[in-house]
């Protein structure tokens, strides 16, 4: 999961930078939430189903798919995606002198 978290954080930056940080935050959040959820599903199938590590199990949660993803955690990941989008943009600006991100709500 740590590897997936790092991959997702890099995705947050790449998707924002590739659009010049001009897309509305809600579109970036939607894109990142889908990416994170897809990554969690793929990682869950590999880690929990194939390797039998039983790291997490959402089978008791509402609106779940194969016990690997569920809507309540997708909502949580959307909030974390917003934080990741802002953090990745400003870290790139302050640490690597990239273009300063300008965020738009609509």
PDB file of N, CA and C in Angstrom:
ATOM      1  N   UNK A   1       0.813  -1.195   0.000  1.00  0.00           N
ATOM      2  CA  UNK A   1       0.000   0.000   0.000  1.00  0.00           C
ATOM      3  C   UNK A   1       0.859   1.263   0.000  1.00  0.00           C
ATOM      4  N   UNK A   2       2.037   1.188   0.614  1.00  0.00           N
ATOM      5  CA  UNK A   2       2.920   2.359   0.600  1.00  0.00           C
ATOM      6  C   UNK A   2       3.362   2.682  -0.824  1.00  0.00           C
ATOM      7  N   UNK A   3       3.626   1.638  -1.585  1.00  0.00           N
ATOM      8  CA  UNK A   3       4.029   1.839  -2.980  1.00  0.00           C
ATOM      9  C   UNK A   3       2.883   2.476  -3.751  1.00  0.00           C
ATOM     10  N   UNK A   4       1.673   1.968  -3.547  1.00  0.00           N
ATOM     11  CA  UNK A   4       0.507   2.539  -4.226  1.00  0.00           C
ATOM     12  C   UNK A   4       0.305   3.993  -3.819  1.00  0.00           C
ATOM     13  N   UNK A   5       0.498   4.305  -2.553  1.00  0.00           N
ATOM     14  CA  UNK A   5       0.377   5.689  -2.098  1.00  0.00           C
ATOM     15  C   UNK A   5       1.353   6.613  -2.805  1.00  0.00           C
ATOM     16  N   UNK A   6       2.578   6.158  -2.971  1.00  0.00           N
ATOM     17  CA  UNK A   6       3.577   6.950  -3.693  1.00  0.00           C
ATOM     18  C   UNK A   6       3.219   7.133  -5.152  1.00  0.00           C
ATOM     19  N   UNK A   7       2.730   6.059  -5.771  1.00  0.00           N
ATOM     20  CA  UNK A   7       2.311   6.135  -7.179  1.00  0.00           C
ATOM     21  C   UNK A   7       1.161   7.122  -7.327  1.00  0.00           C
ATOM     22  N   UNK A   8       0.210   7.066  -6.405  1.00  0.00           N
ATOM     23  CA  UNK A   8      -0.935   7.983  -6.462  1.00  0.00           C
ATOM     24  C   UNK A   8      -0.484   9.430  -6.286  1.00  0.00           C
ATOM     25  N   UNK A   9       0.451   9.670  -5.379  1.00  0.00           N
ATOM     26  CA  UNK A   9       0.933  11.031  -5.157  1.00  0.00           C
ATOM     27  C   UNK A   9       1.615  11.577  -6.405  1.00  0.00           C
ATOM     28  N   UNK A  10       2.392  10.747  -7.063  1.00  0.00           N
ATOM     29  CA  UNK A  10       3.024  11.166  -8.321  1.00  0.00           C
ATOM     30  C   UNK A  10       1.953  11.447  -9.369  1.00  0.00           C
ATOM     31  N   UNK A  11       0.909  10.617  -9.405  1.00  0.00           N
ATOM     32  CA  UNK A  11      -0.189  10.851 -10.348  1.00  0.00           C
ATOM     33  C   UNK A  11      -0.868  12.188 -10.069  1.00  0.00           C
ATOM     34  N   UNK A  12      -1.058  12.530  -8.791  1.00  0.00           N
ATOM     35  CA  UNK A  12      -1.680  13.814  -8.453  1.00  0.00           C
ATOM     36  C   UNK A  12      -0.910  14.957  -9.098  1.00  0.00           C
ATOM     37  N   UNK A  13       0.413  14.887  -9.009  1.00  0.00           N
ATOM     38  CA  UNK A  13       1.235  15.943  -9.602  1.00  0.00           C
ATOM     39  C   UNK A  13       1.169  15.907 -11.126  1.00  0.00           C
ATOM     40  N   UNK A  14       1.347  14.743 -11.715  1.00  0.00           N
ATOM     41  CA  UNK A  14       1.403  14.634 -13.180  1.00  0.00           C
ATOM     42  C   UNK A  14       0.109  15.107 -13.824  1.00  0.00           C
ATOM     43  N   UNK A  15      -1.028  14.716 -13.256  1.00  0.00           N
ATOM     44  CA  UNK A  15      -2.291  15.126 -13.875  1.00  0.00           C
ATOM     45  C   UNK A  15      -2.488  16.634 -13.768  1.00  0.00           C
ATOM     46  N   UNK A  16      -2.065  17.239 -12.681  1.00  0.00           N
ATOM     47  CA  UNK A  16      -2.200  18.688 -12.542  1.00  0.00           C
ATOM     48  C   UNK A  16      -1.240  19.445 -13.434  1.00  0.00           C
ATOM     49  N   UNK A  17      -0.006  18.990 -13.460  1.00  0.00           N
ATOM     50  CA  UNK A  17       1.022  19.659 -14.255  1.00  0.00           C
ATOM     51  C   UNK A  17       0.747  19.515 -15.747  1.00  0.00           C
ATOM     52  N   UNK A  18       0.241  18.367 -16.164  1.00  0.00           N
ATOM     53  CA  UNK A  18      -0.026  18.162 -17.596  1.00  0.00           C
ATOM     54  C   UNK A  18      -1.145  19.068 -18.106  1.00  0.00           C
ATOM     55  N   UNK A  19      -2.014  19.491 -17.229  1.00  0.00           N
ATOM     56  CA  UNK A  19      -3.087  20.415 -17.602  1.00  0.00           C
ATOM     57  C   UNK A  19      -2.731  21.858 -17.255  1.00  0.00           C
ATOM     58  N   UNK A  20      -1.503  22.093 -16.839  1.00  0.00           N
ATOM     59  CA  UNK A  20      -1.062  23.446 -16.497  1.00  0.00           C
ATOM     60  C   UNK A  20      -1.731  23.996 -15.253  1.00  0.00           C
ATOM     61  N   UNK A  21      -2.220  23.120 -14.398  1.00  0.00           N
ATOM     62  CA  UNK A  21      -2.926  23.505 -13.173  1.00  0.00           C
ATOM     63  C   UNK A  21      -4.108  24.432 -13.470  1.00  0.00           C
ATOM     64  N   UNK A  22      -4.699  24.311 -14.641  1.00  0.00           N
ATOM     65  CA  UNK A  22      -5.796  25.194 -15.029  1.00  0.00           C
ATOM     66  C   UNK A  22      -7.170  24.535 -14.916  1.00  0.00           C
ATOM     67  N   UNK A  23      -7.208  23.226 -14.770  1.00  0.00           N
ATOM     68  CA  UNK A  23      -8.499  22.547 -14.661  1.00  0.00           C
ATOM     69  C   UNK A  23      -9.113  22.787 -13.290  1.00  0.00           C
ATOM     70  N   UNK A  24     -10.439  22.814 -13.208  1.00  0.00           N
ATOM     71  CA  UNK A  24     -11.084  22.985 -11.902  1.00  0.00           C
ATOM     72  C   UNK A  24     -10.688  21.859 -10.941  1.00  0.00           C
ATOM     73  N   UNK A  25     -10.638  22.183  -9.663  1.00  0.00           N
ATOM     74  CA  UNK A  25     -10.238  21.207  -8.651  1.00  0.00           C
ATOM     75  C   UNK A  25     -11.181  20.011  -8.638  1.00  0.00           C
ATOM     76  N   UNK A  26     -12.465  20.222  -8.892  1.00  0.00           N
ATOM     77  CA  UNK A  26     -13.400  19.097  -8.844  1.00  0.00           C
ATOM     78  C   UNK A  26     -13.096  18.081  -9.940  1.00  0.00           C
ATOM     79  N   UNK A  27     -12.661  18.538 -11.115  1.00  0.00           N
ATOM     80  CA  UNK A  27     -12.296  17.600 -12.185  1.00  0.00           C
ATOM     81  C   UNK A  27     -11.028  16.838 -11.820  1.00  0.00           C
ATOM     82  N   UNK A  28     -10.058  17.544 -11.255  1.00  0.00           N
ATOM     83  CA  UNK A  28      -8.830  16.886 -10.824  1.00  0.00           C
ATOM     84  C   UNK A  28      -9.130  15.863  -9.729  1.00  0.00           C
ATOM     85  N   UNK A  29     -10.010  16.234  -8.804  1.00  0.00           N
ATOM     86  CA  UNK A  29     -10.375  15.329  -7.717  1.00  0.00           C
ATOM     87  C   UNK A  29     -11.065  14.085  -8.253  1.00  0.00           C
ATOM     88  N   UNK A  30     -11.973  14.263  -9.188  1.00  0.00           N
ATOM     89  CA  UNK A  30     -12.664  13.117  -9.779  1.00  0.00           C
ATOM     90  C   UNK A  30     -11.673  12.185 -10.471  1.00  0.00           C
ATOM     91  N   UNK A  31     -10.779  12.751 -11.256  1.00  0.00           N
ATOM     92  CA  UNK A  31      -9.770  11.951 -11.963  1.00  0.00           C
ATOM     93  C   UNK A  31      -8.886  11.196 -10.967  1.00  0.00           C
ATOM     94  N   UNK A  32      -8.437  11.880  -9.943  1.00  0.00           N
ATOM     95  CA  UNK A  32      -7.553  11.256  -8.958  1.00  0.00           C
ATOM     96  C   UNK A  32      -8.279  10.199  -8.128  1.00  0.00           C
ATOM     97  N   UNK A  33      -9.537  10.442  -7.791  1.00  0.00           N
ATOM     98  CA  UNK A  33     -10.306   9.465  -7.027  1.00  0.00           C
ATOM     99  C   UNK A  33     -10.497   8.183  -7.820  1.00  0.00           C
ATOM    100  N   UNK A  34     -10.792   8.310  -9.098  1.00  0.00           N
ATOM    101  CA  UNK A  34     -10.925   7.120  -9.948  1.00  0.00           C
ATOM    102  C   UNK A  34      -9.590   6.383 -10.021  1.00  0.00           C
ATOM    103  N   UNK A  35      -8.492   7.113 -10.163  1.00  0.00           N
ATOM    104  CA  UNK A  35      -7.166   6.492 -10.229  1.00  0.00           C
ATOM    105  C   UNK A  35      -6.845   5.760  -8.928  1.00  0.00           C
ATOM    106  N   UNK A  36      -7.081   6.406  -7.792  1.00  0.00           N
ATOM    107  CA  UNK A  36      -6.787   5.798  -6.492  1.00  0.00           C
ATOM    108  C   UNK A  36      -7.643   4.555  -6.277  1.00  0.00           C
ATOM    109  N   UNK A  37      -8.927   4.643  -6.604  1.00  0.00           N
ATOM    110  CA  UNK A  37      -9.825   3.507  -6.412  1.00  0.00           C
ATOM    111  C   UNK A  37      -9.451   2.348  -7.326  1.00  0.00           C
ATOM    112  N   UNK A  38      -9.113   2.646  -8.571  1.00  0.00           N
ATOM    113  CA  UNK A  38      -8.668   1.585  -9.486  1.00  0.00           C
ATOM    114  C   UNK A  38      -7.374   0.957  -8.981  1.00  0.00           C
ATOM    115  N   UNK A  39      -6.465   1.779  -8.491  1.00  0.00           N
ATOM    116  CA  UNK A  39      -5.221   1.254  -7.932  1.00  0.00           C
ATOM    117  C   UNK A  39      -5.465   0.392  -6.711  1.00  0.00           C
ATOM    118  N   UNK A  40      -6.395   0.807  -5.858  1.00  0.00           N
ATOM    119  CA  UNK A  40      -6.725   0.013  -4.678  1.00  0.00           C
ATOM    120  C   UNK A  40      -7.346  -1.321  -5.081  1.00  0.00           C
ATOM    121  N   UNK A  41      -8.186  -1.305  -6.103  1.00  0.00           N
ATOM    122  CA  UNK A  41      -8.813  -2.545  -6.561  1.00  0.00           C
ATOM    123  C   UNK A  41      -7.762  -3.513  -7.105  1.00  0.00           C
ATOM    124  N   UNK A  42      -6.894  -3.015  -7.970  1.00  0.00           N
ATOM    125  CA  UNK A  42      -5.854  -3.869  -8.559  1.00  0.00           C
ATOM    126  C   UNK A  42      -4.912  -4.383  -7.473  1.00  0.00           C
ATOM    127  N   UNK A  43      -4.484  -3.498  -6.577  1.00  0.00           N
ATOM    128  CA  UNK A  43      -3.607  -3.913  -5.483  1.00  0.00           C
ATOM    129  C   UNK A  43      -4.307  -4.911  -4.571  1.00  0.00           C
ATOM    130  N   UNK A  44      -5.580  -4.676  -4.307  1.00  0.00           N
ATOM    131  CA  UNK A  44      -6.340  -5.595  -3.464  1.00  0.00           C
ATOM    132  C   UNK A  44      -6.466  -6.978  -4.065  1.00  0.00           C
ATOM    133  N   UNK A  45      -6.713  -7.053  -5.357  1.00  0.00           N
ATOM    134  CA  UNK A  45      -6.805  -8.356  -6.020  1.00  0.00           C
ATOM    135  C   UNK A  45      -5.467  -9.087  -5.915  1.00  0.00           C
ATOM    136  N   UNK A  46      -4.382  -8.373  -6.166  1.00  0.00           N
ATOM    137  CA  UNK A  46      -3.055  -9.010  -6.113  1.00  0.00           C
ATOM    138  C   UNK A  46      -2.696  -9.406  -4.681  1.00  0.00           C
ATOM    139  N   UNK A  47      -2.773  -8.449  -3.757  1.00  0.00           N
ATOM    140  CA  UNK A  47      -2.307  -8.681  -2.388  1.00  0.00           C
ATOM    141  C   UNK A  47      -3.259  -9.577  -1.596  1.00  0.00           C
ATOM    142  N   UNK A  48      -4.554  -9.317  -1.690  1.00  0.00           N
ATOM    143  CA  UNK A  48      -5.508 -10.055  -0.861  1.00  0.00           C
ATOM    144  C   UNK A  48      -5.979 -11.360  -1.482  1.00  0.00           C
ATOM    145  N   UNK A  49      -6.222 -11.370  -2.768  1.00  0.00           N
ATOM    146  CA  UNK A  49      -6.778 -12.567  -3.403  1.00  0.00           C
ATOM    147  C   UNK A  49      -5.693 -13.522  -3.891  1.00  0.00           C
ATOM    148  N   UNK A  50      -4.689 -13.006  -4.605  1.00  0.00           N
ATOM    149  CA  UNK A  50      -3.661 -13.887  -5.167  1.00  0.00           C
ATOM    150  C   UNK A  50      -2.634 -14.302  -4.121  1.00  0.00           C
ATOM    151  N   UNK A  51      -2.150 -13.332  -3.345  1.00  0.00           N
ATOM    152  CA  UNK A  51      -1.099 -13.622  -2.359  1.00  0.00           C
ATOM    153  C   UNK A  51      -1.651 -14.011  -0.987  1.00  0.00           C
ATOM    154  N   UNK A  52      -2.953 -13.846  -0.776  1.00  0.00           N
ATOM    155  CA  UNK A  52      -3.654 -14.227   0.463  1.00  0.00           C
ATOM    156  C   UNK A  52      -3.079 -13.551   1.712  1.00  0.00           C
ATOM    157  N   UNK A  53      -2.696 -12.274   1.602  1.00  0.00           N
ATOM    158  CA  UNK A  53      -2.182 -11.546   2.757  1.00  0.00           C
ATOM    159  C   UNK A  53      -3.299 -10.985   3.641  1.00  0.00           C
ATOM    160  N   UNK A  54      -4.492 -10.867   3.119  1.00  0.00           N
ATOM    161  CA  UNK A  54      -5.647 -10.350   3.872  1.00  0.00           C
ATOM    162  C   UNK A  54      -5.341  -9.016   4.547  1.00  0.00           C
ATOM    163  N   UNK A  55      -4.859  -8.069   3.768  1.00  0.00           N
ATOM    164  CA  UNK A  55      -4.512  -6.758   4.302  1.00  0.00           C
ATOM    165  C   UNK A  55      -5.770  -5.967   4.655  1.00  0.00           C
ATOM    166  N   UNK A  56      -6.803  -5.992   3.802  1.00  0.00           N
ATOM    167  CA  UNK A  56      -8.073  -5.342   4.101  1.00  0.00           C
ATOM    168  C   UNK A  56      -9.204  -6.145   3.481  1.00  0.00           C
ATOM    169  N   UNK A  57     -10.398  -5.924   4.027  1.00  0.00           N
ATOM    170  CA  UNK A  57     -11.579  -6.639   3.549  1.00  0.00           C
ATOM    171  C   UNK A  57     -12.794  -5.736   3.741  1.00  0.00           C
ATOM    172  N   UNK A  58     -13.341  -5.255   2.646  1.00  0.00           N
ATOM    173  CA  UNK A  58     -14.511  -4.389   2.698  1.00  0.00           C
ATOM    174  C   UNK A  58     -15.802  -5.163   2.451  1.00  0.00           C
ATOM    175  N   UNK A  59     -15.783  -6.477   2.572  1.00  0.00           N
ATOM    176  CA  UNK A  59     -16.961  -7.274   2.217  1.00  0.00           C
ATOM    177  C   UNK A  59     -18.170  -6.967   3.100  1.00  0.00           C
ATOM    178  N   UNK A  60     -17.968  -6.416   4.285  1.00  0.00           N
ATOM    179  CA  UNK A  60     -19.083  -6.051   5.161  1.00  0.00           C
ATOM    180  C   UNK A  60     -19.553  -4.606   4.950  1.00  0.00           C
ATOM    181  N   UNK A  61     -18.872  -3.885   4.091  1.00  0.00           N
ATOM    182  CA  UNK A  61     -19.213  -2.483   3.840  1.00  0.00           C
ATOM    183  C   UNK A  61     -20.293  -2.388   2.763  1.00  0.00           C
ATOM    184  N   UNK A  62     -21.098  -1.320   2.790  1.00  0.00           N
ATOM    185  CA  UNK A  62     -22.095  -1.148   1.726  1.00  0.00           C
ATOM    186  C   UNK A  62     -21.433  -0.771   0.402  1.00  0.00           C
ATOM    187  N   UNK A  63     -22.068  -1.184  -0.684  1.00  0.00           N
ATOM    188  CA  UNK A  63     -21.635  -0.834  -2.038  1.00  0.00           C
ATOM    189  C   UNK A  63     -20.179  -1.211  -2.297  1.00  0.00           C
ATOM    190  N   UNK A  64     -19.818  -2.447  -1.976  1.00  0.00           N
ATOM    191  CA  UNK A  64     -18.454  -2.924  -2.167  1.00  0.00           C
ATOM    192  C   UNK A  64     -18.367  -3.814  -3.408  1.00  0.00           C
ATOM    193  N   UNK A  65     -17.162  -3.978  -3.924  1.00  0.00           N
ATOM    194  CA  UNK A  65     -16.905  -4.841  -5.078  1.00  0.00           C
ATOM    195  C   UNK A  65     -15.828  -5.848  -4.675  1.00  0.00           C
ATOM    196  N   UNK A  66     -16.188  -7.107  -4.606  1.00  0.00           N
ATOM    197  CA  UNK A  66     -15.275  -8.204  -4.254  1.00  0.00           C
ATOM    198  C   UNK A  66     -14.561  -7.989  -2.922  1.00  0.00           C
ATOM    199  N   UNK A  67     -15.088  -7.128  -2.078  1.00  0.00           N
ATOM    200  CA  UNK A  67     -14.458  -6.845  -0.796  1.00  0.00           C
ATOM    201  C   UNK A  67     -13.185  -6.020  -0.900  1.00  0.00           C
ATOM    202  N   UNK A  68     -12.890  -5.486  -2.079  1.00  0.00           N
ATOM    203  CA  UNK A  68     -11.631  -4.767  -2.290  1.00  0.00           C
ATOM    204  C   UNK A  68     -11.806  -3.257  -2.346  1.00  0.00           C
ATOM    205  N   UNK A  69     -12.931  -2.776  -2.828  1.00  0.00           N
ATOM    206  CA  UNK A  69     -13.221  -1.342  -2.862  1.00  0.00           C
ATOM    207  C   UNK A  69     -14.660  -1.140  -2.419  1.00  0.00           C
ATOM    208  N   UNK A  70     -14.959   0.046  -1.908  1.00  0.00           N
ATOM    209  CA  UNK A  70     -16.328   0.373  -1.520  1.00  0.00           C
ATOM    210  C   UNK A  70     -16.518   1.887  -1.618  1.00  0.00           C
ATOM    211  N   UNK A  71     -17.762   2.287  -1.760  1.00  0.00           N
ATOM    212  CA  UNK A  71     -18.083   3.701  -1.941  1.00  0.00           C
ATOM    213  C   UNK A  71     -17.703   4.554  -0.722  1.00  0.00           C
ATOM    214  N   UNK A  72     -17.962   4.103   0.531  1.00  0.00           N
ATOM    215  CA  UNK A  72     -17.558   4.959   1.654  1.00  0.00           C
ATOM    216  C   UNK A  72     -16.065   5.310   1.649  1.00  0.00           C
ATOM    217  N   UNK A  73     -15.216   4.345   1.327  1.00  0.00           N
ATOM    218  CA  UNK A  73     -13.784   4.652   1.286  1.00  0.00           C
ATOM    219  C   UNK A  73     -13.411   5.423   0.031  1.00  0.00           C
ATOM    220  N   UNK A  74     -14.196   5.283  -1.016  1.00  0.00           N
ATOM    221  CA  UNK A  74     -13.964   6.095  -2.211  1.00  0.00           C
ATOM    222  C   UNK A  74     -14.187   7.574  -1.876  1.00  0.00           C
ATOM    223  N   UNK A  75     -15.175   7.847  -1.043  1.00  0.00           N
ATOM    224  CA  UNK A  75     -15.432   9.221  -0.605  1.00  0.00           C
ATOM    225  C   UNK A  75     -14.268   9.733   0.247  1.00  0.00           C
ATOM    226  N   UNK A  76     -13.757   8.882   1.131  1.00  0.00           N
ATOM    227  CA  UNK A  76     -12.588   9.255   1.938  1.00  0.00           C
ATOM    228  C   UNK A  76     -11.400   9.554   1.031  1.00  0.00           C
ATOM    229  N   UNK A  77     -11.186   8.697   0.024  1.00  0.00           N
ATOM    230  CA  UNK A  77     -10.064   8.895  -0.895  1.00  0.00           C
ATOM    231  C   UNK A  77     -10.227  10.163  -1.718  1.00  0.00           C
ATOM    232  N   UNK A  78     -11.469  10.581  -1.978  1.00  0.00           N
ATOM    233  CA  UNK A  78     -11.651  11.835  -2.716  1.00  0.00           C
ATOM    234  C   UNK A  78     -11.164  13.016  -1.877  1.00  0.00           C
ATOM    235  N   UNK A  79     -11.429  12.983  -0.576  1.00  0.00           N
ATOM    236  CA  UNK A  79     -10.919  14.037   0.302  1.00  0.00           C
ATOM    237  C   UNK A  79      -9.404  14.031   0.389  1.00  0.00           C
ATOM    238  N   UNK A  80      -8.829  12.836   0.480  1.00  0.00           N
ATOM    239  CA  UNK A  80      -7.368  12.733   0.503  1.00  0.00           C
ATOM    240  C   UNK A  80      -6.764  13.153  -0.830  1.00  0.00           C
ATOM    241  N   UNK A  81      -7.496  12.923  -1.915  1.00  0.00           N
ATOM    242  CA  UNK A  81      -7.016  13.338  -3.238  1.00  0.00           C
ATOM    243  C   UNK A  81      -6.915  14.853  -3.326  1.00  0.00           C
ATOM    244  N   UNK A  82      -7.887  15.550  -2.767  1.00  0.00           N
ATOM    245  CA  UNK A  82      -7.837  17.021  -2.765  1.00  0.00           C
ATOM    246  C   UNK A  82      -6.577  17.492  -2.042  1.00  0.00           C
ATOM    247  N   UNK A  83      -6.316  16.907  -0.881  1.00  0.00           N
ATOM    248  CA  UNK A  83      -5.101  17.274  -0.145  1.00  0.00           C
ATOM    249  C   UNK A  83      -3.850  16.948  -0.957  1.00  0.00           C
ATOM    250  N   UNK A  84      -3.841  15.788  -1.601  1.00  0.00           N
ATOM    251  CA  UNK A  84      -2.693  15.383  -2.406  1.00  0.00           C
ATOM    252  C   UNK A  84      -2.466  16.281  -3.605  1.00  0.00           C
ATOM    253  N   UNK A  85      -3.543  16.739  -4.222  1.00  0.00           N
ATOM    254  CA  UNK A  85      -3.431  17.641  -5.374  1.00  0.00           C
ATOM    255  C   UNK A  85      -2.769  18.952  -4.949  1.00  0.00           C
ATOM    256  N   UNK A  86      -3.273  19.537  -3.864  1.00  0.00           N
ATOM    257  CA  UNK A  86      -2.694  20.795  -3.375  1.00  0.00           C
ATOM    258  C   UNK A  86      -1.249  20.600  -2.917  1.00  0.00           C
ATOM    259  N   UNK A  87      -1.007  19.556  -2.150  1.00  0.00           N
ATOM    260  CA  UNK A  87       0.331  19.316  -1.616  1.00  0.00           C
ATOM    261  C   UNK A  87       1.342  19.049  -2.723  1.00  0.00           C
ATOM    262  N   UNK A  88       0.976  18.236  -3.700  1.00  0.00           N
ATOM    263  CA  UNK A  88       1.925  17.915  -4.780  1.00  0.00           C
ATOM    264  C   UNK A  88       2.256  19.151  -5.614  1.00  0.00           C
ATOM    265  N   UNK A  89       1.256  19.968  -5.880  1.00  0.00           N
ATOM    266  CA  UNK A  89       1.494  21.181  -6.655  1.00  0.00           C
ATOM    267  C   UNK A  89       2.406  22.160  -5.945  1.00  0.00           C
ATOM    268  N   UNK A  90       2.148  22.383  -4.658  1.00  0.00           N
ATOM    269  CA  UNK A  90       2.967  23.341  -3.918  1.00  0.00           C
ATOM    270  C   UNK A  90       4.350  22.799  -3.581  1.00  0.00           C
ATOM    271  N   UNK A  91       4.471  21.499  -3.347  1.00  0.00           N
ATOM    272  CA  UNK A  91       5.804  20.925  -3.134  1.00  0.00           C
ATOM    273  C   UNK A  91       6.662  21.069  -4.386  1.00  0.00           C
ATOM    274  N   UNK A  92       6.071  20.817  -5.541  1.00  0.00           N
ATOM    275  CA  UNK A  92       6.816  20.974  -6.800  1.00  0.00           C
ATOM    276  C   UNK A  92       7.223  22.433  -7.002  1.00  0.00           C
ATOM    277  N   UNK A  93       6.352  23.350  -6.626  1.00  0.00           N
ATOM    278  CA  UNK A  93       6.662  24.773  -6.771  1.00  0.00           C
ATOM    279  C   UNK A  93       7.796  25.196  -5.835  1.00  0.00           C
ATOM    280  N   UNK A  94       7.680  24.850  -4.557  1.00  0.00           N
ATOM    281  CA  UNK A  94       8.667  25.304  -3.575  1.00  0.00           C
ATOM    282  C   UNK A  94       9.987  24.535  -3.636  1.00  0.00           C
ATOM    283  N   UNK A  95       9.933  23.250  -3.897  1.00  0.00           N
ATOM    284  CA  UNK A  95      11.164  22.448  -3.883  1.00  0.00           C
ATOM    285  C   UNK A  95      11.889  22.428  -5.220  1.00  0.00           C
ATOM    286  N   UNK A  96      11.121  22.411  -6.311  1.00  0.00           N
ATOM    287  CA  UNK A  96      11.737  22.229  -7.629  1.00  0.00           C
ATOM    288  C   UNK A  96      11.552  23.418  -8.558  1.00  0.00           C
ATOM    289  N   UNK A  97      11.005  24.511  -8.021  1.00  0.00           N
ATOM    290  CA  UNK A  97      10.819  25.744  -8.796  1.00  0.00           C
ATOM    291  C   UNK A  97       9.990  25.518 -10.061  1.00  0.00           C
ATOM    292  N   UNK A  98       9.007  24.642  -9.954  1.00  0.00           N
ATOM    293  CA  UNK A  98       8.077  24.423 -11.062  1.00  0.00           C
ATOM    294  C   UNK A  98       7.103  25.594 -11.126  1.00  0.00           C
ATOM    295  N   UNK A  99       6.225  25.563 -12.108  1.00  0.00           N
ATOM    296  CA  UNK A  99       5.210  26.608 -12.257  1.00  0.00           C
ATOM    297  C   UNK A  99       4.297  26.593 -11.034  1.00  0.00           C
ATOM    298  N   UNK A 100       4.005  27.789 -10.521  1.00  0.00           N
ATOM    299  CA  UNK A 100       3.123  27.875  -9.359  1.00  0.00           C
ATOM    300  C   UNK A 100       1.718  27.449  -9.765  1.00  0.00           C
ATOM    301  N   UNK A 101       1.139  26.497  -9.042  1.00  0.00           N
ATOM    302  CA  UNK A 101      -0.209  26.055  -9.396  1.00  0.00           C
ATOM    303  C   UNK A 101      -1.240  27.135  -9.081  1.00  0.00           C
ATOM    304  N   UNK A 102      -2.231  27.245  -9.944  1.00  0.00           N
ATOM    305  CA  UNK A 102      -3.357  28.145  -9.687  1.00  0.00           C
ATOM    306  C   UNK A 102      -4.616  27.293  -9.739  1.00  0.00           C
ATOM    307  N   UNK A 103      -5.268  27.179  -8.613  1.00  0.00           N
ATOM    308  CA  UNK A 103      -6.411  26.280  -8.494  1.00  0.00           C
ATOM    309  C   UNK A 103      -7.710  27.034  -8.732  1.00  0.00           C
ATOM    310  N   UNK A 104      -8.640  26.366  -9.397  1.00  0.00           N
ATOM    311  CA  UNK A 104      -9.951  26.930  -9.701  1.00  0.00           C
ATOM    312  C   UNK A 104     -11.017  25.972  -9.193  1.00  0.00           C
ATOM    313  N   UNK A 105     -12.034  26.514  -8.558  1.00  0.00           N
ATOM    314  CA  UNK A 105     -13.107  25.678  -8.028  1.00  0.00           C
ATOM    315  C   UNK A 105     -14.045  25.234  -9.144  1.00  0.00           C
ATOM    316  N   UNK A 106     -14.433  26.155 -10.011  1.00  0.00           N
ATOM    317  CA  UNK A 106     -15.370  25.804 -11.090  1.00  0.00           C
ATOM    318  C   UNK A 106     -14.721  25.824 -12.430  1.00  0.00           C
TER     319      UNK A 106
END
